[in-house]
Amino acid sequence: MGVWVAALAVAFGIGGFAGTVAVDVARIVLGSPLPAYALVFGAEALLFLVSAALAWQVARLESGPALSRTTELMNDDEILSMAAGR
């Protein structure tokens, strides 16, 4: 638990620092704080979507080939009825 919390704290600190630097650089380049914050927020949103896609890929791969082989042999109605618990 301690190592996990330490890693989370380090990541949070690096993220906060990187966001601050990005806003400052964008403010210098764009000349105004509003577009700078919008640009950094948009970049963070894009990174969130990328990380969500990667997490989805990992979860899909961890479900194992046995599950995907099982569902390949079943038709859609069988899969839906199995999901519904029938």
Protein backbone atom coordinates (compact mmCIF):
# COMPACT_ATOMS: atom_id res chain seq x y z
CA MET A 1 0.00 0.00 0.00
CA GLY A 2 2.81 2.43 0.80
CA VAL A 3 4.55 2.04 -2.56
CA TRP A 4 1.26 2.51 -4.40
CA VAL A 5 0.53 5.74 -2.50
CA ALA A 6 4.07 6.98 -3.11
CA ALA A 7 3.79 6.29 -6.84
CA LEU A 8 0.43 8.05 -6.93
CA ALA A 9 1.86 11.07 -5.11
CA VAL A 10 4.84 11.30 -7.46
CA ALA A 11 2.60 11.01 -10.53
CA PHE A 12 0.25 13.66 -9.14
CA GLY A 13 3.17 16.01 -8.47
CA ILE A 14 4.71 15.51 -11.90
CA GLY A 15 1.31 15.99 -13.55
CA GLY A 16 0.65 19.21 -11.67
CA PHE A 17 4.09 20.56 -12.51
CA ALA A 18 3.82 19.56 -16.19
CA GLY A 19 0.38 21.18 -16.44
CA THR A 20 1.67 24.39 -14.91
CA VAL A 21 4.63 24.51 -17.27
CA ALA A 22 2.37 23.77 -20.25
CA VAL A 23 -0.02 26.60 -19.32
CA ASP A 24 2.85 29.04 -18.82
CA VAL A 25 4.43 28.14 -22.17
CA ALA A 26 1.07 28.28 -23.95
CA ARG A 27 0.32 31.66 -22.34
CA ILE A 28 3.66 33.03 -23.60
CA VAL A 29 3.10 31.65 -27.10
CA LEU A 30 -0.60 32.54 -27.38
CA GLY A 31 -0.44 35.78 -25.40
CA SER A 32 -3.60 35.20 -23.40
CA PRO A 33 -4.51 32.91 -20.49
CA LEU A 34 -7.91 31.79 -21.82
CA PRO A 35 -6.67 30.01 -24.97
CA ALA A 36 -3.68 28.70 -23.01
CA TYR A 37 -5.91 27.00 -20.43
CA ALA A 38 -8.24 25.76 -23.19
CA LEU A 39 -5.31 24.26 -25.10
CA VAL A 40 -3.91 22.50 -22.04
CA PHE A 41 -7.35 21.26 -20.98
CA GLY A 42 -7.94 19.90 -24.49
CA ALA A 43 -4.56 18.14 -24.47
CA GLU A 44 -5.34 16.60 -21.08
CA ALA A 45 -8.73 15.44 -22.36
CA LEU A 46 -7.07 13.85 -25.38
CA LEU A 47 -4.53 12.10 -23.15
CA PHE A 48 -7.39 10.83 -20.98
CA LEU A 49 -9.09 9.32 -24.03
CA VAL A 50 -5.83 7.68 -25.10
CA SER A 51 -5.33 6.21 -21.62
CA ALA A 52 -8.93 4.98 -21.54
CA ALA A 53 -8.42 3.26 -24.91
CA LEU A 54 -5.22 1.64 -23.65
CA ALA A 55 -6.96 0.46 -20.46
CA TRP A 56 -9.79 -0.98 -22.54
CA GLN A 57 -7.26 -2.83 -24.71
CA VAL A 58 -5.52 -4.27 -21.65
CA ALA A 59 -8.82 -5.35 -20.10
CA ARG A 60 -9.86 -6.98 -23.35
CA LEU A 61 -6.57 -8.84 -23.64
CA GLU A 62 -6.68 -9.94 -20.00
CA SER A 63 -10.11 -11.50 -20.50
CA GLY A 64 -8.17 -14.29 -22.15
CA PRO A 65 -8.39 -16.14 -25.40
CA ALA A 66 -10.68 -18.78 -23.88
CA LEU A 67 -13.48 -16.24 -23.52
CA SER A 68 -13.05 -14.88 -27.02
CA ARG A 69 -12.95 -18.42 -28.46
CA THR A 70 -16.13 -19.29 -26.58
CA THR A 71 -17.99 -16.25 -27.87
CA GLU A 72 -16.78 -16.87 -31.43
CA LEU A 73 -18.49 -20.26 -31.39
CA MET A 74 -21.77 -18.82 -30.10
CA ASN A 75 -24.28 -16.83 -32.11
CA ASP A 76 -25.55 -13.42 -30.99
CA ASP A 77 -28.75 -14.76 -29.38
CA GLU A 78 -26.80 -17.23 -27.26
CA ILE A 79 -24.42 -14.52 -26.09
CA LEU A 80 -27.30 -12.18 -25.18
CA SER A 81 -29.17 -14.88 -23.30
CA MET A 82 -25.98 -15.83 -21.42
CA ALA A 83 -25.43 -12.17 -20.49
CA ALA A 84 -29.03 -11.91 -19.29
CA GLY A 85 -28.53 -14.97 -17.06
CA ARG A 86 -30.94 -17.24 -18.88
